[in-house]
Amino acid sequence: SEMFKVPENLRAKAHVKSMEEHKAMYKASIEDPETFWGDVARQFHWETPFTKVGPTYNFDGAKGPDRT
């Protein structure tokens, strides 16, 4: 497959500037989703600040409700 280099002026304006940065962000989102997504959400204006990142899911229905 063919790859094309991103022009530096475009890369400088990008939210995610490299594959390494993408991988680090993905890892953080998996290992600590509440912190990761909380940090992302804080970049936006909220009329009422949020107090919890969620919703959370239980993928094993035998252990209770599937969503809290």
N, C-alpha and C. Protein backbone atom coordinates (compact mmCIF):
# COMPACT_ATOMS: atom_id res chain seq x y z
N SER A 1 0.84 -1.19 0.00
CA SER A 1 0.00 0.00 0.00
C SER A 1 0.88 1.25 0.00
N GLU A 2 0.35 2.27 -0.60
CA GLU A 2 1.09 3.51 -0.75
C GLU A 2 0.84 4.44 0.43
N MET A 3 1.89 5.14 0.86
CA MET A 3 1.76 6.11 1.95
C MET A 3 2.19 7.48 1.43
N PHE A 4 1.52 8.50 1.92
CA PHE A 4 1.83 9.86 1.54
C PHE A 4 2.18 10.66 2.78
N LYS A 5 3.25 11.44 2.73
CA LYS A 5 3.64 12.28 3.86
C LYS A 5 2.68 13.45 3.98
N VAL A 6 2.33 13.78 5.21
CA VAL A 6 1.47 14.93 5.47
C VAL A 6 2.34 16.18 5.42
N PRO A 7 1.92 17.20 4.68
CA PRO A 7 2.70 18.44 4.64
C PRO A 7 2.84 19.03 6.05
N GLU A 8 4.00 19.55 6.38
CA GLU A 8 4.28 20.07 7.72
C GLU A 8 3.30 21.15 8.15
N ASN A 9 2.91 22.04 7.24
CA ASN A 9 1.98 23.11 7.64
C ASN A 9 0.62 22.55 8.04
N LEU A 10 0.19 21.43 7.45
CA LEU A 10 -1.05 20.79 7.82
C LEU A 10 -0.88 20.02 9.13
N ARG A 11 0.23 19.33 9.27
CA ARG A 11 0.50 18.57 10.49
C ARG A 11 0.53 19.48 11.71
N ALA A 12 1.10 20.68 11.56
CA ALA A 12 1.22 21.61 12.68
C ALA A 12 -0.15 22.04 13.21
N LYS A 13 -1.18 22.03 12.35
CA LYS A 13 -2.53 22.45 12.75
C LYS A 13 -3.40 21.28 13.20
N ALA A 14 -2.92 20.06 13.02
CA ALA A 14 -3.73 18.88 13.30
C ALA A 14 -3.93 18.67 14.80
N HIS A 15 -5.08 18.09 15.16
CA HIS A 15 -5.34 17.75 16.56
C HIS A 15 -4.40 16.63 17.02
N VAL A 16 -4.21 15.64 16.18
CA VAL A 16 -3.28 14.54 16.45
C VAL A 16 -2.20 14.63 15.39
N LYS A 17 -0.99 14.89 15.82
CA LYS A 17 0.08 15.24 14.89
C LYS A 17 0.92 14.07 14.39
N SER A 18 0.76 12.88 14.98
CA SER A 18 1.56 11.74 14.54
C SER A 18 0.87 10.43 14.93
N MET A 19 1.30 9.36 14.32
CA MET A 19 0.77 8.04 14.67
C MET A 19 1.16 7.69 16.10
N GLU A 20 2.34 8.11 16.53
CA GLU A 20 2.79 7.84 17.90
C GLU A 20 1.86 8.54 18.90
N GLU A 21 1.49 9.78 18.60
CA GLU A 21 0.57 10.51 19.47
C GLU A 21 -0.80 9.83 19.49
N HIS A 22 -1.25 9.38 18.33
CA HIS A 22 -2.53 8.66 18.25
C HIS A 22 -2.49 7.40 19.12
N LYS A 23 -1.42 6.63 19.00
CA LYS A 23 -1.31 5.39 19.78
C LYS A 23 -1.29 5.68 21.28
N ALA A 24 -0.60 6.75 21.69
CA ALA A 24 -0.55 7.12 23.11
C ALA A 24 -1.94 7.54 23.61
N MET A 25 -2.65 8.30 22.78
CA MET A 25 -4.00 8.72 23.16
C MET A 25 -4.94 7.52 23.25
N TYR A 26 -4.84 6.61 22.30
CA TYR A 26 -5.69 5.42 22.32
C TYR A 26 -5.41 4.60 23.58
N LYS A 27 -4.14 4.41 23.88
CA LYS A 27 -3.76 3.63 25.07
C LYS A 27 -4.33 4.28 26.33
N ALA A 28 -4.21 5.60 26.45
CA ALA A 28 -4.75 6.31 27.61
C ALA A 28 -6.27 6.16 27.69
N SER A 29 -6.94 6.19 26.53
CA SER A 29 -8.40 6.08 26.53
C SER A 29 -8.87 4.70 26.97
N ILE A 30 -8.08 3.69 26.73
CA ILE A 30 -8.43 2.32 27.13
C ILE A 30 -8.07 2.07 28.59
N GLU A 31 -6.89 2.52 28.99
CA GLU A 31 -6.41 2.24 30.35
C GLU A 31 -7.10 3.07 31.43
N ASP A 32 -7.48 4.31 31.09
CA ASP A 32 -8.13 5.18 32.08
C ASP A 32 -9.15 6.06 31.36
N PRO A 33 -10.26 5.45 30.91
CA PRO A 33 -11.22 6.20 30.10
C PRO A 33 -11.83 7.40 30.81
N GLU A 34 -12.08 7.31 32.10
CA GLU A 34 -12.71 8.43 32.80
C GLU A 34 -11.80 9.66 32.78
N THR A 35 -10.52 9.48 33.03
CA THR A 35 -9.58 10.60 32.98
C THR A 35 -9.44 11.11 31.56
N PHE A 36 -9.23 10.21 30.61
CA PHE A 36 -9.03 10.61 29.22
C PHE A 36 -10.21 11.41 28.70
N TRP A 37 -11.41 10.85 28.80
CA TRP A 37 -12.59 11.53 28.24
C TRP A 37 -12.98 12.74 29.07
N GLY A 38 -12.68 12.72 30.37
CA GLY A 38 -12.91 13.91 31.19
C GLY A 38 -12.05 15.06 30.72
N ASP A 39 -10.78 14.78 30.41
CA ASP A 39 -9.87 15.81 29.90
C ASP A 39 -10.36 16.34 28.55
N VAL A 40 -10.84 15.45 27.69
CA VAL A 40 -11.38 15.89 26.39
C VAL A 40 -12.61 16.77 26.61
N ALA A 41 -13.51 16.35 27.49
CA ALA A 41 -14.75 17.10 27.72
C ALA A 41 -14.48 18.47 28.32
N ARG A 42 -13.43 18.61 29.12
CA ARG A 42 -13.12 19.90 29.73
C ARG A 42 -12.68 20.95 28.71
N GLN A 43 -12.39 20.54 27.50
CA GLN A 43 -12.00 21.48 26.45
C GLN A 43 -13.21 22.20 25.86
N PHE A 44 -14.42 21.76 26.21
CA PHE A 44 -15.65 22.35 25.69
C PHE A 44 -16.29 23.24 26.75
N HIS A 45 -17.15 24.15 26.30
CA HIS A 45 -17.91 25.00 27.21
C HIS A 45 -19.14 24.23 27.69
N TRP A 46 -19.38 24.23 28.98
CA TRP A 46 -20.55 23.56 29.55
C TRP A 46 -21.35 24.60 30.34
N GLU A 47 -22.65 24.71 30.08
CA GLU A 47 -23.51 25.58 30.89
C GLU A 47 -23.49 25.10 32.33
N THR A 48 -23.59 23.78 32.50
CA THR A 48 -23.49 23.16 33.82
C THR A 48 -22.34 22.17 33.75
N PRO A 49 -21.26 22.41 34.51
CA PRO A 49 -20.13 21.49 34.45
C PRO A 49 -20.54 20.06 34.82
N PHE A 50 -19.96 19.10 34.12
CA PHE A 50 -20.28 17.70 34.40
C PHE A 50 -19.59 17.26 35.69
N THR A 51 -20.16 16.28 36.35
CA THR A 51 -19.58 15.75 37.59
C THR A 51 -19.10 14.32 37.43
N LYS A 52 -19.51 13.67 36.33
CA LYS A 52 -19.12 12.28 36.11
C LYS A 52 -18.99 12.04 34.62
N VAL A 53 -17.99 11.26 34.26
CA VAL A 53 -17.82 10.86 32.87
C VAL A 53 -18.54 9.53 32.72
N GLY A 54 -19.31 9.39 31.69
CA GLY A 54 -20.04 8.14 31.54
C GLY A 54 -20.86 8.18 30.28
N PRO A 55 -21.78 7.33 30.09
CA PRO A 55 -22.23 6.30 31.01
C PRO A 55 -21.25 5.15 31.12
N THR A 56 -21.44 4.32 32.12
CA THR A 56 -20.62 3.13 32.25
C THR A 56 -21.48 1.92 31.86
N TYR A 57 -20.83 0.90 31.38
CA TYR A 57 -21.55 -0.28 30.91
C TYR A 57 -21.05 -1.52 31.61
N ASN A 58 -21.95 -2.44 31.83
CA ASN A 58 -21.64 -3.76 32.34
C ASN A 58 -21.94 -4.73 31.21
N PHE A 59 -20.93 -5.32 30.65
CA PHE A 59 -21.13 -6.21 29.51
C PHE A 59 -21.49 -7.63 29.92
N ASP A 60 -21.59 -7.88 31.23
CA ASP A 60 -22.00 -9.20 31.72
C ASP A 60 -23.35 -9.04 32.43
N GLY A 61 -24.44 -9.32 31.72
CA GLY A 61 -25.77 -9.14 32.27
C GLY A 61 -26.03 -9.92 33.54
N ALA A 62 -25.25 -10.99 33.78
CA ALA A 62 -25.42 -11.77 34.99
C ALA A 62 -24.95 -11.01 36.24
N LYS A 63 -24.21 -9.91 36.02
CA LYS A 63 -23.68 -9.14 37.15
C LYS A 63 -24.49 -7.87 37.43
N GLY A 64 -25.71 -7.80 36.91
CA GLY A 64 -26.55 -6.65 37.19
C GLY A 64 -26.93 -5.89 35.93
N PRO A 65 -27.49 -4.67 36.14
CA PRO A 65 -27.93 -3.87 34.98
C PRO A 65 -26.78 -3.63 34.01
N ASP A 66 -27.13 -3.54 32.72
CA ASP A 66 -26.08 -3.37 31.71
C ASP A 66 -25.62 -1.92 31.59
N ARG A 67 -26.31 -0.98 32.22
CA ARG A 67 -25.91 0.42 32.11
C ARG A 67 -26.20 1.13 33.42
N THR A 68 -25.25 1.97 33.84
CA THR A 68 -25.46 2.76 35.06
C THR A 68 -25.28 4.21 34.76
